[in-house]
Protein backbone atom coordinates (compact mmCIF):
# COMPACT_ATOMS: atom_id res chain seq x y z
CA MET A 1 0.00 0.00 0.00
CA LYS A 2 1.35 3.40 -0.97
CA GLN A 3 0.26 5.36 2.12
CA ASP A 4 2.44 5.50 5.24
CA VAL A 5 0.30 4.59 8.27
CA SER A 6 1.62 4.51 11.83
CA TYR A 7 -0.10 2.55 14.61
CA LYS A 8 1.22 2.17 18.16
CA GLY A 9 4.25 4.15 17.05
CA GLU A 10 5.21 1.70 14.28
CA PHE A 11 4.81 1.57 10.51
CA VAL A 12 1.96 -0.73 9.43
CA SER A 13 3.11 -3.25 6.83
CA ASP A 14 1.36 -4.16 3.58
CA ASP A 15 1.03 -7.73 4.86
CA PHE A 16 -0.97 -6.53 7.86
CA TRP A 17 -3.47 -4.69 5.67
CA HIS A 18 -3.71 -7.57 3.21
CA VAL A 19 -4.28 -10.29 5.83
CA ASN A 20 -6.95 -8.35 7.74
CA THR A 21 -8.73 -7.06 4.65
CA ARG A 22 -8.87 -10.50 3.07
CA LYS A 23 -10.21 -12.00 6.30
CA ILE A 24 -13.12 -9.55 6.29
CA VAL A 25 -13.76 -9.89 2.57
CA LEU A 26 -14.03 -13.67 2.86
CA MET A 27 -16.40 -13.45 5.85
CA LEU A 28 -18.65 -11.01 4.00
CA LYS A 29 -18.68 -13.12 0.85
CA GLN A 30 -19.71 -16.13 2.94
CA LYS A 31 -22.75 -14.11 3.96
CA LYS A 32 -23.33 -13.29 0.27
CA ILE A 33 -22.46 -9.61 0.71
CA GLY A 34 -21.35 -7.98 -2.50
CA TYR A 35 -21.38 -4.87 -4.64
CA LYS A 36 -23.57 -2.01 -3.30
CA ASP A 37 -24.94 -4.06 -0.41
CA ILE A 38 -25.33 -2.10 2.84
CA VAL A 39 -23.07 -3.13 5.73
CA ILE A 40 -23.30 -1.65 9.23
CA CYS A 41 -19.70 -1.19 10.43
CA LYS A 42 -18.59 -0.78 14.04
CA SER A 43 -15.11 -0.91 15.54
CA ASN A 44 -13.55 -0.06 18.89
CA SER A 45 -10.37 1.27 17.28
CA HIS A 46 -9.12 3.65 14.61
CA ILE A 47 -7.30 0.87 12.80
CA GLY A 48 -10.48 -1.22 12.66
CA VAL A 49 -12.31 1.55 10.78
CA TYR A 50 -9.40 1.82 8.36
CA ILE A 51 -9.52 -1.94 7.66
CA HIS A 52 -13.29 -1.76 7.17
CA TRP A 53 -12.80 0.93 4.55
CA LEU A 54 -10.19 -1.13 2.67
CA ALA A 55 -12.62 -4.06 2.57
CA CYS A 56 -15.37 -1.71 1.41
CA VAL A 57 -13.22 -0.48 -1.48
CA GLU A 58 -12.35 -4.05 -2.50
CA ILE A 59 -15.90 -5.42 -2.48
CA GLY A 60 -17.79 -2.24 -3.31
CA PHE A 61 -20.28 -2.47 -0.45
CA ILE A 62 -21.75 0.72 1.04
CA PRO A 63 -20.80 1.24 4.70
CA ILE A 64 -22.76 2.79 7.52
CA PHE A 65 -20.29 3.69 10.26
CA VAL A 66 -21.55 3.58 13.85
CA SER A 67 -19.99 3.77 17.29
CA SER A 68 -18.73 0.62 19.00
CA GLU A 69 -21.20 1.51 21.77
CA PHE A 70 -24.15 1.32 19.39
CA SER A 71 -26.49 -1.26 20.93
CA ILE A 72 -28.10 -4.14 19.06
CA ASP A 73 -31.53 -2.58 19.70
CA SER A 74 -30.34 0.68 18.13
CA ILE A 75 -28.96 -1.24 15.15
CA LYS A 76 -32.27 -3.04 14.64
CA LEU A 77 -34.13 0.27 14.85
CA LEU A 78 -31.74 1.80 12.36
CA ASN A 79 -32.11 -1.18 10.07
CA ASN A 80 -35.87 -0.76 9.76
CA ASN A 81 -35.20 1.92 7.15
CA ILE A 82 -32.50 0.15 5.14
CA GLY A 83 -32.65 -3.63 5.39
CA ALA A 84 -28.95 -4.29 5.85
CA LYS A 85 -28.14 -8.00 6.17
CA VAL A 86 -25.10 -7.90 8.41
CA VAL A 87 -23.06 -6.02 10.99
CA LEU A 88 -19.28 -6.00 10.55
CA GLU A 89 -17.62 -5.56 13.94
CA SER A 90 -13.93 -5.35 14.80
CA VAL A 91 -12.49 -5.54 18.29
CA GLY A 92 -8.86 -4.65 17.77
CA THR A 93 -7.86 -6.95 14.91
CA ASP A 94 -10.47 -9.59 15.68
CA HIS A 95 -13.24 -9.37 13.09
CA TYR A 96 -16.81 -10.66 13.21
CA VAL A 97 -19.76 -10.62 10.83
CA TYR A 98 -23.22 -10.96 12.37
CA LEU A 99 -26.42 -11.67 10.51
CA ILE A 100 -29.04 -9.13 11.58
CA SER A 101 -32.02 -11.03 10.25
CA ASP A 102 -32.72 -13.90 7.88
CA THR A 103 -35.88 -12.21 6.67
CA CYS A 104 -34.81 -8.58 6.22
CA SER A 105 -34.85 -7.34 2.64
CA LYS A 106 -32.91 -4.53 1.05
CA SER A 107 -35.06 -1.46 0.39
CA PRO A 108 -35.54 -1.04 -3.40
CA PHE A 109 -34.52 2.64 -3.37
CA LEU A 110 -31.03 1.66 -2.20
CA ASN A 111 -30.30 0.50 -5.74
CA ASN A 112 -30.28 4.18 -6.71
CA ILE A 113 -27.37 5.02 -4.40
CA LYS A 114 -24.22 5.69 -6.39
CA GLU A 115 -21.27 3.35 -6.05
CA ASN A 116 -18.56 4.37 -3.56
CA SER A 117 -21.08 6.36 -1.52
CA ILE A 118 -20.71 6.56 2.27
CA ILE A 119 -23.43 6.72 4.92
CA HIS A 120 -22.86 8.48 8.24
CA LEU A 121 -25.17 9.14 11.17
CA THR A 122 -25.94 12.64 12.34
CA SER A 123 -25.63 13.63 16.00
CA ALA A 124 -22.65 11.34 16.47
CA THR A 125 -24.60 8.14 16.99
CA THR A 126 -27.38 9.23 19.27
CA GLY A 127 -30.13 6.68 19.50
CA ASN A 128 -32.36 8.66 17.15
CA PRO A 129 -30.07 9.72 14.31
CA LYS A 130 -30.60 10.65 10.70
CA LEU A 131 -28.84 8.77 7.95
CA VAL A 132 -26.82 10.94 5.57
CA VAL A 133 -25.58 9.53 2.29
CA ARG A 134 -22.85 11.36 0.42
CA THR A 135 -21.40 10.37 -2.92
CA LYS A 136 -17.73 9.94 -3.76
CA GLU A 137 -17.92 13.10 -5.87
CA GLN A 138 -19.30 15.15 -2.96
CA ILE A 139 -16.66 13.90 -0.54
CA ASP A 140 -13.86 14.36 -3.07
CA SER A 141 -15.03 17.94 -3.61
CA GLU A 142 -14.92 18.61 0.14
CA ILE A 143 -11.45 17.09 0.52
CA THR A 144 -10.06 18.99 -2.49
CA ARG A 145 -11.18 22.42 -1.30
CA TYR A 146 -10.18 21.65 2.30
CA SER A 147 -6.68 20.44 1.41
CA LYS A 148 -6.11 23.39 -0.92
CA TYR A 149 -7.31 25.90 1.68
CA LEU A 150 -5.00 24.51 4.38
CA ASN A 151 -2.26 23.53 1.94
CA ILE A 152 -2.17 19.92 3.14
CA ASP A 153 -0.20 17.50 0.96
CA GLU A 154 2.07 14.44 0.99
CA ASN A 155 4.53 16.19 3.29
CA ASP A 156 2.00 16.29 6.14
CA SER A 157 1.38 13.84 8.98
CA ILE A 158 -2.22 13.77 10.21
CA LEU A 159 -3.14 12.69 13.74
CA PRO A 160 -6.90 12.24 14.31
CA ILE A 161 -7.69 11.90 18.01
CA VAL A 162 -11.43 11.93 17.29
CA PRO A 163 -13.17 8.66 16.44
CA ILE A 164 -12.79 8.16 12.70
CA TYR A 165 -16.18 6.50 12.34
CA THR A 166 -17.57 10.06 12.61
CA SER A 167 -17.70 12.17 9.47
CA PHE A 168 -15.16 14.68 10.87
CA GLY A 169 -12.49 12.10 11.64
CA PHE A 170 -13.28 9.91 8.65
CA ILE A 171 -13.15 12.65 6.01
CA SER A 172 -10.89 15.39 7.44
CA GLY A 173 -8.55 12.76 8.86
CA MET A 174 -8.51 9.37 7.16
CA LEU A 175 -9.81 10.04 3.63
CA LEU A 176 -7.91 13.33 3.37
CA SER A 177 -4.65 11.59 4.24
CA MET A 178 -5.37 8.89 1.64
CA LYS A 179 -6.19 11.38 -1.11
CA VAL A 180 -3.06 13.53 -0.70
CA ASN A 181 -0.89 10.58 0.40
CA ALA A 182 -0.08 12.19 3.75
CA LYS A 183 1.15 10.07 6.63
CA LEU A 184 -1.70 8.93 8.90
CA ILE A 185 -1.03 8.45 12.61
CA LEU A 186 -3.58 6.15 14.25
CA PRO A 187 -3.60 6.32 18.08
CA ASP A 188 -4.48 3.32 20.23
CA ILE A 189 -4.50 5.03 23.66
CA ILE A 190 -6.30 8.36 23.63
CA LEU A 191 -5.01 10.14 26.72
CA PRO A 192 -3.48 13.64 26.68
CA ARG A 193 0.06 12.56 27.56
CA ASN A 194 0.01 9.67 25.07
CA ILE A 195 -1.28 11.90 22.29
CA ILE A 196 1.44 14.50 22.87
CA GLN A 197 4.11 11.80 22.87
CA LEU A 198 2.65 10.27 19.71
CA SER A 199 2.58 13.66 18.00
CA ASN A 200 6.22 14.29 18.91
CA LEU A 201 7.36 10.81 17.86
CA ASN A 202 5.72 11.04 14.44
CA LYS A 203 6.30 14.77 13.90
CA ALA A 204 2.58 15.35 13.34
CA THR A 205 1.66 18.46 11.36
CA VAL A 206 -2.15 18.26 11.70
CA MET A 207 -4.09 17.26 14.84
CA LEU A 208 -7.87 16.77 14.85
CA GLY A 209 -9.81 16.66 18.12
CA VAL A 210 -12.64 18.07 20.20
CA SER A 211 -12.55 20.94 22.65
CA TYR A 212 -13.04 18.90 25.83
CA PHE A 213 -9.94 16.82 25.03
CA TYR A 214 -7.84 19.90 24.35
CA ARG A 215 -8.95 21.23 27.73
CA LYS A 216 -7.68 18.00 29.33
CA MET A 217 -4.33 18.46 27.60
CA LEU A 218 -3.84 21.69 29.54
CA ALA A 219 -3.91 19.81 32.85
CA ILE A 220 -0.83 17.64 32.25
CA SER A 221 2.69 18.49 33.41
CA SER A 222 4.38 21.45 31.73
CA LYS A 223 7.30 19.19 30.78
CA TYR A 224 5.12 17.82 27.97
CA THR A 225 5.23 20.09 24.93
CA LEU A 226 4.01 19.80 21.36
CA ASN A 227 6.42 19.32 18.47
CA ASN A 228 7.47 22.30 16.36
CA GLU A 229 6.29 20.64 13.12
CA LEU A 230 2.64 20.92 14.19
CA ARG A 231 0.96 23.41 11.82
CA TYR A 232 -2.71 22.95 12.68
CA VAL A 233 -4.50 21.92 15.85
CA ILE A 234 -8.18 21.71 14.94
CA SER A 235 -11.28 21.31 17.07
CA SER A 236 -14.71 20.33 15.75
CA GLY A 237 -17.77 18.29 16.68
CA GLY A 238 -19.06 20.83 19.20
CA PRO A 239 -18.70 24.39 20.48
CA MET A 240 -15.43 25.85 21.61
CA GLU A 241 -15.15 26.43 25.35
CA GLU A 242 -14.81 30.06 26.37
CA GLY A 243 -11.16 30.94 27.02
CA LEU A 244 -9.82 27.62 25.73
CA GLN A 245 -8.17 29.05 22.62
CA LYS A 246 -6.20 31.60 24.65
CA ASP A 247 -5.25 29.03 27.31
CA PHE A 248 -4.11 26.56 24.65
CA LYS A 249 -2.00 29.16 22.85
CA ASP A 250 -0.43 30.26 26.15
CA ARG A 251 0.36 26.66 27.12
CA PHE A 252 1.54 25.14 23.84
CA GLY A 253 2.39 28.15 21.68
CA ILE A 254 0.07 27.20 18.81
CA LYS A 255 -3.37 28.41 17.78
CA LEU A 256 -6.34 26.17 18.42
CA LEU A 257 -8.60 26.41 15.36
CA GLN A 258 -12.34 25.83 15.36
CA GLN A 259 -13.70 23.92 12.36
CA TYR A 260 -17.39 24.17 11.55
CA GLY A 261 -19.59 21.99 9.40
CA SER A 262 -22.06 19.15 9.59
CA THR A 263 -22.50 15.55 8.54
CA GLU A 264 -24.81 16.73 5.76
CA THR A 265 -22.57 19.47 4.37
CA GLY A 266 -18.98 18.55 5.19
CA SER A 267 -16.48 21.13 6.48
CA LEU A 268 -17.54 24.72 5.82
CA CYS A 269 -15.21 27.11 7.62
CA ILE A 270 -12.27 27.18 9.98
CA GLY A 271 -10.54 29.83 12.04
CA CYS A 272 -9.38 31.21 15.37
CA SER A 273 -10.65 34.47 16.81
CA GLU A 274 -8.84 36.42 19.51
CA ASP A 275 -11.98 38.21 20.66
CA SER A 276 -14.82 35.67 20.33
CA TYR A 277 -14.80 31.96 21.18
CA ARG A 278 -18.06 31.69 19.23
CA SER A 279 -16.34 32.57 15.97
CA VAL A 280 -15.71 29.67 13.59
CA GLY A 281 -13.70 31.68 11.08
CA LYS A 282 -14.34 32.61 7.47
CA PRO A 283 -15.96 30.29 4.93
CA ILE A 284 -13.72 27.98 2.95
CA PRO A 285 -13.67 29.09 -0.73
CA GLY A 286 -16.72 27.64 -2.47
CA VAL A 287 -18.94 28.01 0.61
CA LYS A 288 -21.40 30.86 1.18
CA PHE A 289 -23.32 31.66 4.38
CA LYS A 290 -26.54 33.56 4.84
CA ILE A 291 -28.51 34.53 7.97
CA ILE A 292 -32.30 34.42 7.73
CA ASN A 293 -34.48 35.53 10.64
CA ASP A 294 -37.65 33.57 11.34
CA LYS A 295 -40.99 34.96 12.52
CA ASP A 296 -39.67 35.05 16.09
CA ASP A 297 -36.62 37.01 14.88
CA LYS A 298 -34.23 34.11 15.50
CA PRO A 299 -31.21 34.40 13.17
CA TRP A 300 -30.79 30.99 11.52
CA VAL A 301 -27.62 29.97 9.71
CA TYR A 302 -28.04 28.84 6.10
CA VAL A 303 -25.29 27.64 3.81
CA SER A 304 -24.72 27.19 0.10
CA SER A 305 -22.31 24.39 -0.79
CA PRO A 306 -23.67 22.81 -3.99
CA THR A 307 -20.83 20.34 -4.57
CA THR A 308 -20.67 18.76 -1.08
CA ILE A 309 -24.14 18.58 0.47
CA GLY A 310 -25.54 15.04 0.66
CA ALA A 311 -29.02 13.57 1.11
CA TYR A 312 -31.06 11.88 3.84
CA MET A 313 -31.97 8.22 3.75
CA THR A 314 -35.47 7.58 5.09
CA LYS A 315 -37.88 4.66 5.06
CA ASP A 316 -39.55 6.32 2.07
CA GLY A 317 -36.39 6.73 0.03
CA ILE A 318 -33.60 9.22 -0.65
CA VAL A 319 -34.49 12.82 0.26
CA GLU A 320 -32.31 15.36 -1.49
CA LEU A 321 -31.35 18.46 0.51
CA ASP A 322 -31.36 22.06 -0.70
CA LYS A 323 -27.76 22.46 -1.80
CA THR A 324 -28.03 26.19 -2.50
CA LEU A 325 -29.72 27.26 0.75
CA TYR A 326 -29.49 24.59 3.46
CA LYS A 327 -30.58 25.35 7.03
CA ILE A 328 -27.94 23.93 9.37
CA GLY A 329 -29.72 24.20 12.73
CA ASP A 330 -27.59 26.86 14.42
CA LEU A 331 -28.27 30.47 15.25
CA GLY A 332 -25.60 32.95 14.25
CA ARG A 333 -24.43 36.11 12.57
CA ILE A 334 -21.89 37.14 9.96
CA LYS A 335 -19.41 39.72 11.28
CA GLU A 336 -18.17 42.67 9.25
CA ASN A 337 -14.84 40.94 8.62
CA GLY A 338 -16.66 37.95 7.08
CA GLU A 339 -16.26 35.58 10.04
CA VAL A 340 -19.22 33.43 11.04
CA GLU A 341 -20.16 33.66 14.71
CA LEU A 342 -22.44 31.03 16.25
CA LEU A 343 -24.91 32.17 18.89
CA GLY A 344 -26.42 28.83 19.89
CA ARG A 345 -28.53 25.88 18.84
CA SER A 346 -32.28 25.60 19.01
CA ASP A 347 -32.52 21.87 18.44
CA ASP A 348 -32.37 19.04 20.95
CA ILE A 349 -28.73 18.02 20.65
CA LEU A 350 -26.50 18.22 23.72
CA VAL A 351 -22.71 17.87 23.47
CA VAL A 352 -21.17 15.74 26.23
CA ASP A 353 -17.39 15.42 26.10
CA GLY A 354 -17.42 15.68 22.34
CA LYS A 355 -20.28 13.20 21.87
CA LYS A 356 -23.73 14.39 20.87
CA VAL A 357 -26.86 13.23 22.63
CA ASP A 358 -30.47 13.70 21.52
CA LYS A 359 -32.14 14.83 24.72
CA LYS A 360 -35.65 14.09 23.42
CA MET A 361 -34.67 10.52 22.72
CA VAL A 362 -33.16 10.10 26.21
CA ALA A 363 -36.25 11.66 27.78
CA SER A 364 -38.55 9.33 25.83
CA VAL A 365 -36.66 6.30 27.16
CA ILE A 366 -36.90 7.51 30.77
CA LYS A 367 -40.59 8.36 30.46
CA LYS A 368 -41.32 4.67 29.80
CA ILE A 369 -40.76 4.03 33.51
CA ASN A 370 -44.37 3.74 34.67
CA CYS A 371 -44.42 6.31 37.46
CA ILE A 372 -42.57 9.07 35.53
CA ASP A 373 -44.74 11.99 34.42
CA LYS A 374 -42.43 14.66 32.97
CA VAL A 375 -38.72 14.57 32.09
CA ASN A 376 -36.13 17.16 31.10
CA ILE A 377 -32.52 16.48 30.14
CA PHE A 378 -29.85 19.19 30.28
CA LEU A 379 -26.16 19.80 30.90
CA THR A 380 -24.46 20.73 34.17
CA LYS A 381 -20.86 21.37 35.14
CA ASN A 382 -19.03 19.12 37.60
CA ASN A 383 -15.56 20.60 38.09
CA ASP A 384 -13.95 20.34 34.62
CA THR A 385 -16.42 17.83 33.19
CA THR A 386 -19.82 18.21 31.57
CA GLU A 387 -22.57 15.86 32.72
CA LEU A 388 -26.06 14.95 31.62
CA THR A 389 -28.63 15.67 34.29
CA CYS A 390 -32.23 14.46 34.39
CA GLU A 391 -35.04 16.20 36.22
CA TYR A 392 -38.30 14.31 36.53
CA CYS A 393 -41.77 14.70 37.97
CA SER A 394 -43.30 11.66 39.65
CA ASP A 395 -45.62 10.72 42.49
CA LYS A 396 -42.73 8.81 44.08
CA LYS A 397 -38.94 8.90 44.19
CA VAL A 398 -37.13 6.51 41.84
CA THR A 399 -33.68 5.18 42.72
CA LYS A 400 -30.70 5.95 40.51
CA GLU A 401 -30.12 2.21 40.09
CA THR A 402 -33.61 1.83 38.62
CA PHE A 403 -33.00 4.63 36.15
CA VAL A 404 -29.57 3.35 35.08
CA ASN A 405 -30.68 -0.27 34.67
CA HIS A 406 -33.65 0.85 32.58
CA CYS A 407 -31.55 3.15 30.39
CA LYS A 408 -28.83 0.53 29.80
CA MET A 409 -31.28 -1.59 27.81
CA VAL A 410 -31.32 0.90 24.91
CA LEU A 411 -28.80 3.69 25.59
CA ALA A 412 -25.03 3.86 25.35
CA ASN A 413 -23.21 4.78 28.57
CA TYR A 414 -22.54 8.37 27.50
CA GLN A 415 -26.27 8.86 26.83
CA ILE A 416 -27.27 7.95 30.40
CA PRO A 417 -27.59 10.92 32.79
CA LYS A 418 -25.24 11.04 35.78
CA LYS A 419 -27.81 12.71 38.03
CA PHE A 420 -31.54 12.10 38.48
CA LEU A 421 -33.37 14.82 40.38
CA LYS A 422 -37.01 14.62 41.46
CA VAL A 423 -38.75 18.00 41.23
CA ASN A 424 -42.26 19.27 41.75
CA GLU A 425 -42.19 21.25 38.51
CA MET A 426 -39.85 21.70 35.58
CA LYS A 427 -37.58 24.75 35.79
CA ASN A 428 -34.84 23.92 33.25
CA VAL A 429 -36.87 23.55 30.07
CA GLY A 430 -35.36 25.66 27.31
CA ARG A 431 -31.75 25.59 28.47
CA SER A 432 -29.34 26.21 25.62
CA SER A 433 -27.39 23.21 24.42
CA TRP A 434 -24.69 25.40 22.88
CA LYS A 435 -23.21 26.77 26.07
CA THR A 436 -23.12 24.59 29.16
CA GLU A 437 -24.48 26.35 32.20
């Protein structure tokens, strides 16, 4: 294989890729999986996702990438709309193919999906996600304009510390490195000290992460410093914490950039503002923003990105999105200097340590406990961490153990609230999910 990939600090050989890819290809063929079949892919490691993609390219199946924490119930719910036959799961370099159902049938509209398309889930694998399909042409267009804008090429070394099953890590990290033949550094232990050591060892030039992890990096001993070759440290997947960019620059001597985009649109803009942590920089060439106020005078962010915006997959078929004026779901404004500044979100997505949680979905699960009347889910601060908190109305107090055991049946661990508070009436409805209170 032409690309230089490092894992656990060592170069990954062609034999390694060949053996693992062939193993998966043979298992899938035994299940009669072939060209343009849908395969749900989950892995607990960066290298597992990479191997899945190599197998996908060889067979021509269409992958749906989900978190390793995605439960079997969530997979079955997801599969109601698509009729995938199997789940491909990797635990390290151990690979498994599970039959979802003997009776499930592929939805006819899936035949219209273009070859080499990729399906990602919005909201970073919440239990109630949307399926976004993007074609090879749309993703190639995003990568081309992104790499040109940041001048990323074969001389770079890219270190994604975000999960690469997400669209951010998969496209801005893995696929970008493949396209420009940059070195790809795949971490196995994602802890601040390990990541800094890995960056130094491999002379990383691009680092991709989320704001909560960069905040954790500030807490380690001052003897750990970042290598001089590092050109870009980029945060995405959620809002920037107030003061983090200044603290990071003071500690490591390099700007912390905020990248903005969505699963549907791809990357849209990137930047670092000295005076506003809400700024996400100026649009990447080829992207145009517009602010449109609704009847309640809320300033919604719309974007035009005709060559990169994908489509939704629903039980009724492929739903094309407006590629010339797409409503993202954020409130914002465009500053005089052309920078986009985000003011908040008005949807039901909460960001917990870089992972997104659909609070309505969590609330609906909790409300199935018989004695629960009303539920609200919101974020609270606990020292340096952000936690999900649940307030509920009920005619009796419910133990935390009861809540947790009930939630575990359908929710991933990060989707389960840490606190459950019984109240007489709801007081936290309407809290912003953009800025943690």
